[in-house]
Amino acid sequence: MNAAKSFKGTLLWTAPEVFKNVNNVSYGLAADIWSLGCAVLEMLTRGGRYPDFELEQAVEKFHKGEPSPLPKSLSKNARDFIRRCLRRNPKNRPSAAQLLDHPFVKK
């Protein structure tokens, strides 16, 4: 179950490692954590990642793994939760179980 190879879903929520999957190499469930961070950001801001850029420009930033600017209007816990989900290296992202213990979720 930890060997996903498909490329389905919302382009704007796609993890960098999925974009780099040119050789059909499997990627892990951390890609879903990335997507969760994007979804939470979009729900809180109604704008998502790179709201001031056209889709093509945003996709280029995704490929480079550039971090999204997080609005100061979000709570400290919300920003921390999203930052943890959007860590470029999938090995450094928390698991879903770890995120359930995050203060942003607990409140």
PDB file of N, CA and C in Angstrom:
ATOM      1  N   MET A   1       0.816  -1.199   0.000  1.00  0.00           N
ATOM      2  CA  MET A   1       0.000   0.000   0.000  1.00  0.00           C
ATOM      3  C   MET A   1       0.853   1.254   0.000  1.00  0.00           C
ATOM      4  N   ASN A   2       2.111   1.158   0.299  1.00  0.00           N
ATOM      5  CA  ASN A   2       2.981   2.318   0.362  1.00  0.00           C
ATOM      6  C   ASN A   2       3.784   2.496  -0.924  1.00  0.00           C
ATOM      7  N   ALA A   3       3.292   1.979  -2.028  1.00  0.00           N
ATOM      8  CA  ALA A   3       4.025   2.044  -3.285  1.00  0.00           C
ATOM      9  C   ALA A   3       3.159   2.628  -4.386  1.00  0.00           C
ATOM     10  N   ALA A   4       2.638   3.803  -4.160  1.00  0.00           N
ATOM     11  CA  ALA A   4       1.777   4.447  -5.145  1.00  0.00           C
ATOM     12  C   ALA A   4       2.575   4.842  -6.374  1.00  0.00           C
ATOM     13  N   LYS A   5       1.946   4.688  -7.534  1.00  0.00           N
ATOM     14  CA  LYS A   5       2.594   5.068  -8.784  1.00  0.00           C
ATOM     15  C   LYS A   5       1.678   5.897  -9.662  1.00  0.00           C
ATOM     16  N   SER A   6       0.435   6.046  -9.282  1.00  0.00           N
ATOM     17  CA  SER A   6      -0.516   6.744 -10.139  1.00  0.00           C
ATOM     18  C   SER A   6      -0.334   8.250 -10.038  1.00  0.00           C
ATOM     19  N   PHE A   7      -0.890   8.927 -11.012  1.00  0.00           N
ATOM     20  CA  PHE A   7      -0.867  10.389 -11.019  1.00  0.00           C
ATOM     21  C   PHE A   7      -2.298  10.847 -11.236  1.00  0.00           C
ATOM     22  N   LYS A   8      -3.056  10.856 -10.143  1.00  0.00           N
ATOM     23  CA  LYS A   8      -4.454  11.254 -10.192  1.00  0.00           C
ATOM     24  C   LYS A   8      -4.700  12.268  -9.106  1.00  0.00           C
ATOM     25  N   GLY A   9      -5.658  13.146  -9.345  1.00  0.00           N
ATOM     26  CA  GLY A   9      -6.002  14.109  -8.313  1.00  0.00           C
ATOM     27  C   GLY A   9      -5.846  15.526  -8.802  1.00  0.00           C
ATOM     28  N   THR A  10      -5.850  16.423  -7.864  1.00  0.00           N
ATOM     29  CA  THR A  10      -5.792  17.849  -8.161  1.00  0.00           C
ATOM     30  C   THR A  10      -4.347  18.288  -8.337  1.00  0.00           C
ATOM     31  N   LEU A  11      -4.047  18.847  -9.475  1.00  0.00           N
ATOM     32  CA  LEU A  11      -2.692  19.273  -9.802  1.00  0.00           C
ATOM     33  C   LEU A  11      -2.126  20.219  -8.752  1.00  0.00           C
ATOM     34  N   LEU A  12      -2.957  21.108  -8.253  1.00  0.00           N
ATOM     35  CA  LEU A  12      -2.479  22.106  -7.298  1.00  0.00           C
ATOM     36  C   LEU A  12      -2.147  21.526  -5.926  1.00  0.00           C
ATOM     37  N   TRP A  13      -2.502  20.288  -5.686  1.00  0.00           N
ATOM     38  CA  TRP A  13      -2.218  19.653  -4.394  1.00  0.00           C
ATOM     39  C   TRP A  13      -1.183  18.538  -4.530  1.00  0.00           C
ATOM     40  N   THR A  14      -0.507  18.474  -5.653  1.00  0.00           N
ATOM     41  CA  THR A  14       0.412  17.379  -5.938  1.00  0.00           C
ATOM     42  C   THR A  14       1.783  17.613  -5.312  1.00  0.00           C
ATOM     43  N   ALA A  15       2.279  16.608  -4.616  1.00  0.00           N
ATOM     44  CA  ALA A  15       3.577  16.690  -3.942  1.00  0.00           C
ATOM     45  C   ALA A  15       4.721  16.731  -4.959  1.00  0.00           C
ATOM     46  N   PRO A  16       5.839  17.388  -4.616  1.00  0.00           N
ATOM     47  CA  PRO A  16       6.984  17.478  -5.539  1.00  0.00           C
ATOM     48  C   PRO A  16       7.490  16.121  -6.005  1.00  0.00           C
ATOM     49  N   GLU A  17       7.492  15.136  -5.128  1.00  0.00           N
ATOM     50  CA  GLU A  17       8.013  13.823  -5.523  1.00  0.00           C
ATOM     51  C   GLU A  17       7.134  13.140  -6.553  1.00  0.00           C
ATOM     52  N   VAL A  18       5.876  13.491  -6.598  1.00  0.00           N
ATOM     53  CA  VAL A  18       4.975  12.916  -7.604  1.00  0.00           C
ATOM     54  C   VAL A  18       5.286  13.537  -8.964  1.00  0.00           C
ATOM     55  N   PHE A  19       5.565  14.840  -8.984  1.00  0.00           N
ATOM     56  CA  PHE A  19       5.963  15.501 -10.233  1.00  0.00           C
ATOM     57  C   PHE A  19       7.250  14.902 -10.783  1.00  0.00           C
ATOM     58  N   LYS A  20       8.144  14.516  -9.898  1.00  0.00           N
ATOM     59  CA  LYS A  20       9.439  13.977 -10.313  1.00  0.00           C
ATOM     60  C   LYS A  20       9.366  12.503 -10.682  1.00  0.00           C
ATOM     61  N   ASN A  21       8.211  11.927 -10.617  1.00  0.00           N
ATOM     62  CA  ASN A  21       8.031  10.492 -10.842  1.00  0.00           C
ATOM     63  C   ASN A  21       8.063  10.147 -12.331  1.00  0.00           C
ATOM     64  N   VAL A  22       9.103  10.577 -13.035  1.00  0.00           N
ATOM     65  CA  VAL A  22       9.185  10.355 -14.477  1.00  0.00           C
ATOM     66  C   VAL A  22       9.527   8.915 -14.831  1.00  0.00           C
ATOM     67  N   ASN A  23      10.162   8.200 -13.949  1.00  0.00           N
ATOM     68  CA  ASN A  23      10.552   6.815 -14.213  1.00  0.00           C
ATOM     69  C   ASN A  23       9.578   5.810 -13.620  1.00  0.00           C
ATOM     70  N   ASN A  24       8.367   6.276 -13.268  1.00  0.00           N
ATOM     71  CA  ASN A  24       7.338   5.417 -12.701  1.00  0.00           C
ATOM     72  C   ASN A  24       7.811   4.732 -11.415  1.00  0.00           C
ATOM     73  N   VAL A  25       8.621   5.444 -10.646  1.00  0.00           N
ATOM     74  CA  VAL A  25       9.103   4.946  -9.358  1.00  0.00           C
ATOM     75  C   VAL A  25       8.013   5.220  -8.327  1.00  0.00           C
ATOM     76  N   SER A  26       7.828   4.315  -7.410  1.00  0.00           N
ATOM     77  CA  SER A  26       6.775   4.501  -6.417  1.00  0.00           C
ATOM     78  C   SER A  26       7.146   5.606  -5.431  1.00  0.00           C
ATOM     79  N   TYR A  27       6.135   6.214  -4.886  1.00  0.00           N
ATOM     80  CA  TYR A  27       6.301   7.220  -3.852  1.00  0.00           C
ATOM     81  C   TYR A  27       5.402   6.818  -2.701  1.00  0.00           C
ATOM     82  N   GLY A  28       5.637   7.387  -1.543  1.00  0.00           N
ATOM     83  CA  GLY A  28       4.937   6.941  -0.344  1.00  0.00           C
ATOM     84  C   GLY A  28       3.715   7.745   0.015  1.00  0.00           C
ATOM     85  N   LEU A  29       3.154   7.392   1.143  1.00  0.00           N
ATOM     86  CA  LEU A  29       1.955   8.056   1.636  1.00  0.00           C
ATOM     87  C   LEU A  29       2.212   9.494   2.058  1.00  0.00           C
ATOM     88  N   ALA A  30       3.480   9.880   2.171  1.00  0.00           N
ATOM     89  CA  ALA A  30       3.801  11.261   2.514  1.00  0.00           C
ATOM     90  C   ALA A  30       3.272  12.228   1.454  1.00  0.00           C
ATOM     91  N   ALA A  31       3.071  11.744   0.237  1.00  0.00           N
ATOM     92  CA  ALA A  31       2.490  12.586  -0.815  1.00  0.00           C
ATOM     93  C   ALA A  31       1.071  13.008  -0.430  1.00  0.00           C
ATOM     94  N   ASP A  32       0.366  12.139   0.271  1.00  0.00           N
ATOM     95  CA  ASP A  32      -0.983  12.484   0.733  1.00  0.00           C
ATOM     96  C   ASP A  32      -0.937  13.531   1.846  1.00  0.00           C
ATOM     97  N   ILE A  33       0.111  13.491   2.664  1.00  0.00           N
ATOM     98  CA  ILE A  33       0.274  14.497   3.714  1.00  0.00           C
ATOM     99  C   ILE A  33       0.498  15.860   3.073  1.00  0.00           C
ATOM    100  N   TRP A  34       1.292  15.891   2.004  1.00  0.00           N
ATOM    101  CA  TRP A  34       1.493  17.142   1.268  1.00  0.00           C
ATOM    102  C   TRP A  34       0.147  17.665   0.777  1.00  0.00           C
ATOM    103  N   SER A  35      -0.635  16.789   0.178  1.00  0.00           N
ATOM    104  CA  SER A  35      -1.941  17.192  -0.353  1.00  0.00           C
ATOM    105  C   SER A  35      -2.863  17.692   0.759  1.00  0.00           C
ATOM    106  N   LEU A  36      -2.783  17.064   1.913  1.00  0.00           N
ATOM    107  CA  LEU A  36      -3.569  17.519   3.062  1.00  0.00           C
ATOM    108  C   LEU A  36      -3.192  18.953   3.429  1.00  0.00           C
ATOM    109  N   GLY A  37      -1.905  19.232   3.488  1.00  0.00           N
ATOM    110  CA  GLY A  37      -1.458  20.585   3.794  1.00  0.00           C
ATOM    111  C   GLY A  37      -1.990  21.598   2.790  1.00  0.00           C
ATOM    112  N   CYS A  38      -1.985  21.226   1.515  1.00  0.00           N
ATOM    113  CA  CYS A  38      -2.524  22.113   0.477  1.00  0.00           C
ATOM    114  C   CYS A  38      -4.027  22.320   0.661  1.00  0.00           C
ATOM    115  N   ALA A  39      -4.732  21.255   0.989  1.00  0.00           N
ATOM    116  CA  ALA A  39      -6.184  21.344   1.173  1.00  0.00           C
ATOM    117  C   ALA A  39      -6.532  22.221   2.370  1.00  0.00           C
ATOM    118  N   VAL A  40      -5.817  22.045   3.461  1.00  0.00           N
ATOM    119  CA  VAL A  40      -6.064  22.855   4.662  1.00  0.00           C
ATOM    120  C   VAL A  40      -5.783  24.328   4.356  1.00  0.00           C
ATOM    121  N   LEU A  41      -4.674  24.593   3.667  1.00  0.00           N
ATOM    122  CA  LEU A  41      -4.355  25.968   3.303  1.00  0.00           C
ATOM    123  C   LEU A  41      -5.460  26.573   2.443  1.00  0.00           C
ATOM    124  N   GLU A  42      -5.930  25.813   1.476  1.00  0.00           N
ATOM    125  CA  GLU A  42      -6.989  26.323   0.602  1.00  0.00           C
ATOM    126  C   GLU A  42      -8.292  26.563   1.361  1.00  0.00           C
ATOM    127  N   MET A  43      -8.618  25.672   2.279  1.00  0.00           N
ATOM    128  CA  MET A  43      -9.849  25.865   3.058  1.00  0.00           C
ATOM    129  C   MET A  43      -9.766  27.091   3.956  1.00  0.00           C
ATOM    130  N   LEU A  44      -8.595  27.338   4.523  1.00  0.00           N
ATOM    131  CA  LEU A  44      -8.447  28.461   5.440  1.00  0.00           C
ATOM    132  C   LEU A  44      -8.329  29.809   4.731  1.00  0.00           C
ATOM    133  N   THR A  45      -7.813  29.791   3.508  1.00  0.00           N
ATOM    134  CA  THR A  45      -7.550  31.052   2.815  1.00  0.00           C
ATOM    135  C   THR A  45      -8.446  31.278   1.601  1.00  0.00           C
ATOM    136  N   ARG A  46      -9.125  30.245   1.183  1.00  0.00           N
ATOM    137  CA  ARG A  46      -9.927  30.284  -0.044  1.00  0.00           C
ATOM    138  C   ARG A  46      -9.078  30.598  -1.271  1.00  0.00           C
ATOM    139  N   GLY A  47      -7.774  30.422  -1.145  1.00  0.00           N
ATOM    140  CA  GLY A  47      -6.898  30.751  -2.260  1.00  0.00           C
ATOM    141  C   GLY A  47      -5.879  29.686  -2.574  1.00  0.00           C
ATOM    142  N   GLY A  48      -5.507  28.918  -1.611  1.00  0.00           N
ATOM    143  CA  GLY A  48      -4.531  27.862  -1.845  1.00  0.00           C
ATOM    144  C   GLY A  48      -3.120  28.378  -2.028  1.00  0.00           C
ATOM    145  N   ARG A  49      -2.301  27.530  -2.623  1.00  0.00           N
ATOM    146  CA  ARG A  49      -0.891  27.844  -2.826  1.00  0.00           C
ATOM    147  C   ARG A  49      -0.718  28.773  -4.019  1.00  0.00           C
ATOM    148  N   TYR A  50       0.161  29.741  -3.883  1.00  0.00           N
ATOM    149  CA  TYR A  50       0.502  30.673  -4.959  1.00  0.00           C
ATOM    150  C   TYR A  50      -0.740  31.307  -5.588  1.00  0.00           C
ATOM    151  N   PRO A  51      -1.600  31.944  -4.811  1.00  0.00           N
ATOM    152  CA  PRO A  51      -2.860  32.472  -5.347  1.00  0.00           C
ATOM    153  C   PRO A  51      -2.672  33.595  -6.359  1.00  0.00           C
ATOM    154  N   ASP A  52      -1.504  34.225  -6.374  1.00  0.00           N
ATOM    155  CA  ASP A  52      -1.271  35.344  -7.286  1.00  0.00           C
ATOM    156  C   ASP A  52      -0.623  34.930  -8.606  1.00  0.00           C
ATOM    157  N   PHE A  53      -0.490  33.622  -8.835  1.00  0.00           N
ATOM    158  CA  PHE A  53       0.175  33.137 -10.038  1.00  0.00           C
ATOM    159  C   PHE A  53      -0.797  32.364 -10.929  1.00  0.00           C
ATOM    160  N   GLU A  54      -0.527  32.384 -12.223  1.00  0.00           N
ATOM    161  CA  GLU A  54      -1.280  31.560 -13.167  1.00  0.00           C
ATOM    162  C   GLU A  54      -0.890  30.102 -12.932  1.00  0.00           C
ATOM    163  N   LEU A  55      -1.733  29.184 -13.397  1.00  0.00           N
ATOM    164  CA  LEU A  55      -1.500  27.753 -13.175  1.00  0.00           C
ATOM    165  C   LEU A  55      -0.113  27.321 -13.634  1.00  0.00           C
ATOM    166  N   GLU A  56       0.305  27.752 -14.820  1.00  0.00           N
ATOM    167  CA  GLU A  56       1.610  27.336 -15.348  1.00  0.00           C
ATOM    168  C   GLU A  56       2.750  27.818 -14.451  1.00  0.00           C
ATOM    169  N   GLN A  57       2.642  29.041 -13.954  1.00  0.00           N
ATOM    170  CA  GLN A  57       3.661  29.578 -13.054  1.00  0.00           C
ATOM    171  C   GLN A  57       3.669  28.816 -11.736  1.00  0.00           C
ATOM    172  N   ALA A  58       2.489  28.507 -11.233  1.00  0.00           N
ATOM    173  CA  ALA A  58       2.383  27.747  -9.983  1.00  0.00           C
ATOM    174  C   ALA A  58       2.983  26.358 -10.146  1.00  0.00           C
ATOM    175  N   VAL A  59       2.700  25.707 -11.267  1.00  0.00           N
ATOM    176  CA  VAL A  59       3.237  24.365 -11.506  1.00  0.00           C
ATOM    177  C   VAL A  59       4.761  24.401 -11.538  1.00  0.00           C
ATOM    178  N   GLU A  60       5.335  25.438 -12.132  1.00  0.00           N
ATOM    179  CA  GLU A  60       6.794  25.571 -12.150  1.00  0.00           C
ATOM    180  C   GLU A  60       7.339  25.673 -10.727  1.00  0.00           C
ATOM    181  N   LYS A  61       6.657  26.413  -9.882  1.00  0.00           N
ATOM    182  CA  LYS A  61       7.077  26.534  -8.488  1.00  0.00           C
ATOM    183  C   LYS A  61       6.940  25.187  -7.772  1.00  0.00           C
ATOM    184  N   PHE A  62       5.884  24.432  -8.089  1.00  0.00           N
ATOM    185  CA  PHE A  62       5.711  23.106  -7.494  1.00  0.00           C
ATOM    186  C   PHE A  62       6.891  22.218  -7.860  1.00  0.00           C
ATOM    187  N   HIS A  63       7.253  22.229  -9.151  1.00  0.00           N
ATOM    188  CA  HIS A  63       8.372  21.397  -9.615  1.00  0.00           C
ATOM    189  C   HIS A  63       9.650  21.719  -8.861  1.00  0.00           C
ATOM    190  N   LYS A  64       9.850  22.987  -8.581  1.00  0.00           N
ATOM    191  CA  LYS A  64      11.045  23.415  -7.854  1.00  0.00           C
ATOM    192  C   LYS A  64      10.920  23.177  -6.356  1.00  0.00           C
ATOM    193  N   GLY A  65       9.705  22.898  -5.900  1.00  0.00           N
ATOM    194  CA  GLY A  65       9.485  22.678  -4.474  1.00  0.00           C
ATOM    195  C   GLY A  65       9.583  23.945  -3.656  1.00  0.00           C
ATOM    196  N   GLU A  66       9.303  25.081  -4.276  1.00  0.00           N
ATOM    197  CA  GLU A  66       9.376  26.346  -3.553  1.00  0.00           C
ATOM    198  C   GLU A  66       8.255  26.414  -2.519  1.00  0.00           C
ATOM    199  N   PRO A  67       8.580  26.842  -1.306  1.00  0.00           N
ATOM    200  CA  PRO A  67       7.547  26.911  -0.273  1.00  0.00           C
ATOM    201  C   PRO A  67       6.494  27.972  -0.598  1.00  0.00           C
ATOM    202  N   SER A  68       5.290  27.678  -0.211  1.00  0.00           N
ATOM    203  CA  SER A  68       4.184  28.620  -0.396  1.00  0.00           C
ATOM    204  C   SER A  68       4.226  29.670   0.694  1.00  0.00           C
ATOM    205  N   PRO A  69       3.927  30.907   0.344  1.00  0.00           N
ATOM    206  CA  PRO A  69       3.812  31.916   1.396  1.00  0.00           C
ATOM    207  C   PRO A  69       2.559  31.634   2.228  1.00  0.00           C
ATOM    208  N   LEU A  70       2.690  31.726   3.526  1.00  0.00           N
ATOM    209  CA  LEU A  70       1.548  31.489   4.402  1.00  0.00           C
ATOM    210  C   LEU A  70       1.105  32.819   4.997  1.00  0.00           C
ATOM    211  N   PRO A  71      -0.161  33.136   4.862  1.00  0.00           N
ATOM    212  CA  PRO A  71      -0.664  34.420   5.373  1.00  0.00           C
ATOM    213  C   PRO A  71      -0.473  34.542   6.879  1.00  0.00           C
ATOM    214  N   LYS A  72      -0.096  35.730   7.296  1.00  0.00           N
ATOM    215  CA  LYS A  72       0.072  36.012   8.728  1.00  0.00           C
ATOM    216  C   LYS A  72      -1.270  35.969   9.459  1.00  0.00           C
ATOM    217  N   SER A  73      -2.359  36.046   8.704  1.00  0.00           N
ATOM    218  CA  SER A  73      -3.682  36.019   9.325  1.00  0.00           C
ATOM    219  C   SER A  73      -4.031  34.637   9.887  1.00  0.00           C
ATOM    220  N   LEU A  74      -3.314  33.602   9.460  1.00  0.00           N
ATOM    221  CA  LEU A  74      -3.541  32.263  10.011  1.00  0.00           C
ATOM    222  C   LEU A  74      -2.918  32.173  11.395  1.00  0.00           C
ATOM    223  N   SER A  75      -3.497  31.349  12.233  1.00  0.00           N
ATOM    224  CA  SER A  75      -2.935  31.169  13.572  1.00  0.00           C
ATOM    225  C   SER A  75      -1.551  30.522  13.480  1.00  0.00           C
ATOM    226  N   LYS A  76      -0.782  30.694  14.535  1.00  0.00           N
ATOM    227  CA  LYS A  76       0.555  30.086  14.611  1.00  0.00           C
ATOM    228  C   LYS A  76       0.455  28.568  14.431  1.00  0.00           C
ATOM    229  N   ASN A  77      -0.535  27.957  15.078  1.00  0.00           N
ATOM    230  CA  ASN A  77      -0.703  26.505  14.966  1.00  0.00           C
ATOM    231  C   ASN A  77      -1.080  26.084  13.546  1.00  0.00           C
ATOM    232  N   ALA A  78      -1.916  26.867  12.890  1.00  0.00           N
ATOM    233  CA  ALA A  78      -2.306  26.541  11.512  1.00  0.00           C
ATOM    234  C   ALA A  78      -1.098  26.622  10.589  1.00  0.00           C
ATOM    235  N   ARG A  79      -0.312  27.692  10.732  1.00  0.00           N
ATOM    236  CA  ARG A  79       0.887  27.837   9.897  1.00  0.00           C
ATOM    237  C   ARG A  79       1.868  26.703  10.146  1.00  0.00           C
ATOM    238  N   ASP A  80       2.057  26.319  11.406  1.00  0.00           N
ATOM    239  CA  ASP A  80       2.975  25.234  11.734  1.00  0.00           C
ATOM    240  C   ASP A  80       2.480  23.913  11.137  1.00  0.00           C
ATOM    241  N   PHE A  81       1.183  23.641  11.256  1.00  0.00           N
ATOM    242  CA  PHE A  81       0.595  22.413  10.710  1.00  0.00           C
ATOM    243  C   PHE A  81       0.843  22.341   9.203  1.00  0.00           C
ATOM    244  N   ILE A  82       0.556  23.426   8.519  1.00  0.00           N
ATOM    245  CA  ILE A  82       0.715  23.455   7.060  1.00  0.00           C
ATOM    246  C   ILE A  82       2.181  23.321   6.681  1.00  0.00           C
ATOM    247  N   ARG A  83       3.058  24.030   7.362  1.00  0.00           N
ATOM    248  CA  ARG A  83       4.499  23.931   7.069  1.00  0.00           C
ATOM    249  C   ARG A  83       5.002  22.501   7.232  1.00  0.00           C
ATOM    250  N   ARG A  84       4.545  21.834   8.274  1.00  0.00           N
ATOM    251  CA  ARG A  84       4.968  20.444   8.486  1.00  0.00           C
ATOM    252  C   ARG A  84       4.505  19.550   7.333  1.00  0.00           C
ATOM    253  N   CYS A  85       3.293  19.781   6.878  1.00  0.00           N
ATOM    254  CA  CYS A  85       2.758  18.979   5.762  1.00  0.00           C
ATOM    255  C   CYS A  85       3.490  19.262   4.456  1.00  0.00           C
ATOM    256  N   LEU A  86       3.948  20.498   4.289  1.00  0.00           N
ATOM    257  CA  LEU A  86       4.556  20.914   3.024  1.00  0.00           C
ATOM    258  C   LEU A  86       6.079  20.895   3.050  1.00  0.00           C
ATOM    259  N   ARG A  87       6.645  20.035   3.857  1.00  0.00           N
ATOM    260  CA  ARG A  87       8.104  19.877   3.838  1.00  0.00           C
ATOM    261  C   ARG A  87       8.500  19.215   2.521  1.00  0.00           C
ATOM    262  N   ARG A  88       9.510  19.781   1.893  1.00  0.00           N
ATOM    263  CA  ARG A  88       9.927  19.300   0.564  1.00  0.00           C
ATOM    264  C   ARG A  88      10.332  17.826   0.585  1.00  0.00           C
ATOM    265  N   ASN A  89      11.107  17.447   1.572  1.00  0.00           N
ATOM    266  CA  ASN A  89      11.558  16.059   1.666  1.00  0.00           C
ATOM    267  C   ASN A  89      10.450  15.225   2.305  1.00  0.00           C
ATOM    268  N   PRO A  90       9.904  14.255   1.577  1.00  0.00           N
ATOM    269  CA  PRO A  90       8.796  13.461   2.129  1.00  0.00           C
ATOM    270  C   PRO A  90       9.154  12.713   3.413  1.00  0.00           C
ATOM    271  N   LYS A  91      10.419  12.413   3.598  1.00  0.00           N
ATOM    272  CA  LYS A  91      10.855  11.715   4.813  1.00  0.00           C
ATOM    273  C   LYS A  91      10.738  12.605   6.042  1.00  0.00           C
ATOM    274  N   ASN A  92      10.678  13.911   5.824  1.00  0.00           N
ATOM    275  CA  ASN A  92      10.594  14.854   6.938  1.00  0.00           C
ATOM    276  C   ASN A  92       9.154  15.260   7.265  1.00  0.00           C
ATOM    277  N   ARG A  93       8.194  14.774   6.500  1.00  0.00           N
ATOM    278  CA  ARG A  93       6.792  15.087   6.782  1.00  0.00           C
ATOM    279  C   ARG A  93       6.268  14.165   7.875  1.00  0.00           C
ATOM    280  N   PRO A  94       5.389  14.669   8.714  1.00  0.00           N
ATOM    281  CA  PRO A  94       4.805  13.815   9.753  1.00  0.00           C
ATOM    282  C   PRO A  94       3.818  12.809   9.162  1.00  0.00           C
ATOM    283  N   SER A  95       3.557  11.786   9.914  1.00  0.00           N
ATOM    284  CA  SER A  95       2.526  10.818   9.522  1.00  0.00           C
ATOM    285  C   SER A  95       1.152  11.380   9.880  1.00  0.00           C
ATOM    286  N   ALA A  96       0.118  10.754   9.375  1.00  0.00           N
ATOM    287  CA  ALA A  96      -1.248  11.170   9.713  1.00  0.00           C
ATOM    288  C   ALA A  96      -1.477  11.036  11.221  1.00  0.00           C
ATOM    289  N   ALA A  97      -0.964   9.970  11.813  1.00  0.00           N
ATOM    290  CA  ALA A  97      -1.118   9.768  13.258  1.00  0.00           C
ATOM    291  C   ALA A  97      -0.443  10.896  14.041  1.00  0.00           C
ATOM    292  N   GLN A  98       0.729  11.312  13.603  1.00  0.00           N
ATOM    293  CA  GLN A  98       1.416  12.414  14.281  1.00  0.00           C
ATOM    294  C   GLN A  98       0.631  13.714  14.137  1.00  0.00           C
ATOM    295  N   LEU A  99       0.050  13.943  12.978  1.00  0.00           N
ATOM    296  CA  LEU A  99      -0.721  15.166  12.764  1.00  0.00           C
ATOM    297  C   LEU A  99      -1.972  15.219  13.632  1.00  0.00           C
ATOM    298  N   LEU A 100      -2.517  14.067  13.955  1.00  0.00           N
ATOM    299  CA  LEU A 100      -3.695  14.051  14.825  1.00  0.00           C
ATOM    300  C   LEU A 100      -3.391  14.581  16.220  1.00  0.00           C
ATOM    301  N   ASP A 101      -2.120  14.556  16.590  1.00  0.00           N
ATOM    302  CA  ASP A 101      -1.709  15.077  17.900  1.00  0.00           C
ATOM    303  C   ASP A 101      -1.259  16.536  17.835  1.00  0.00           C
ATOM    304  N   HIS A 102      -1.295  17.123  16.657  1.00  0.00           N
ATOM    305  CA  HIS A 102      -0.856  18.511  16.508  1.00  0.00           C
ATOM    306  C   HIS A 102      -1.871  19.458  17.168  1.00  0.00           C
ATOM    307  N   PRO A 103      -1.412  20.517  17.811  1.00  0.00           N
ATOM    308  CA  PRO A 103      -2.328  21.470  18.462  1.00  0.00           C
ATOM    309  C   PRO A 103      -3.381  22.049  17.533  1.00  0.00           C
ATOM    310  N   PHE A 104      -3.080  22.205  16.263  1.00  0.00           N
ATOM    311  CA  PHE A 104      -4.064  22.726  15.307  1.00  0.00           C
ATOM    312  C   PHE A 104      -5.266  21.791  15.199  1.00  0.00           C
ATOM    313  N   VAL A 105      -5.027  20.495  15.255  1.00  0.00           N
ATOM    314  CA  VAL A 105      -6.109  19.502  15.163  1.00  0.00           C
ATOM    315  C   VAL A 105      -6.793  19.328  16.498  1.00  0.00           C
ATOM    316  N   LYS A 106      -6.030  19.400  17.576  1.00  0.00           N
ATOM    317  CA  LYS A 106      -6.570  19.167  18.919  1.00  0.00           C
ATOM    318  C   LYS A 106      -7.542  20.232  19.362  1.00  0.00           C
ATOM    319  N   LYS A 107      -7.400  21.463  18.854  1.00  0.00           N
ATOM    320  CA  LYS A 107      -8.265  22.566  19.289  1.00  0.00           C
ATOM    321  C   LYS A 107      -9.652  22.438  18.763  1.00  0.00           C
TER     322      LYS A 107
END
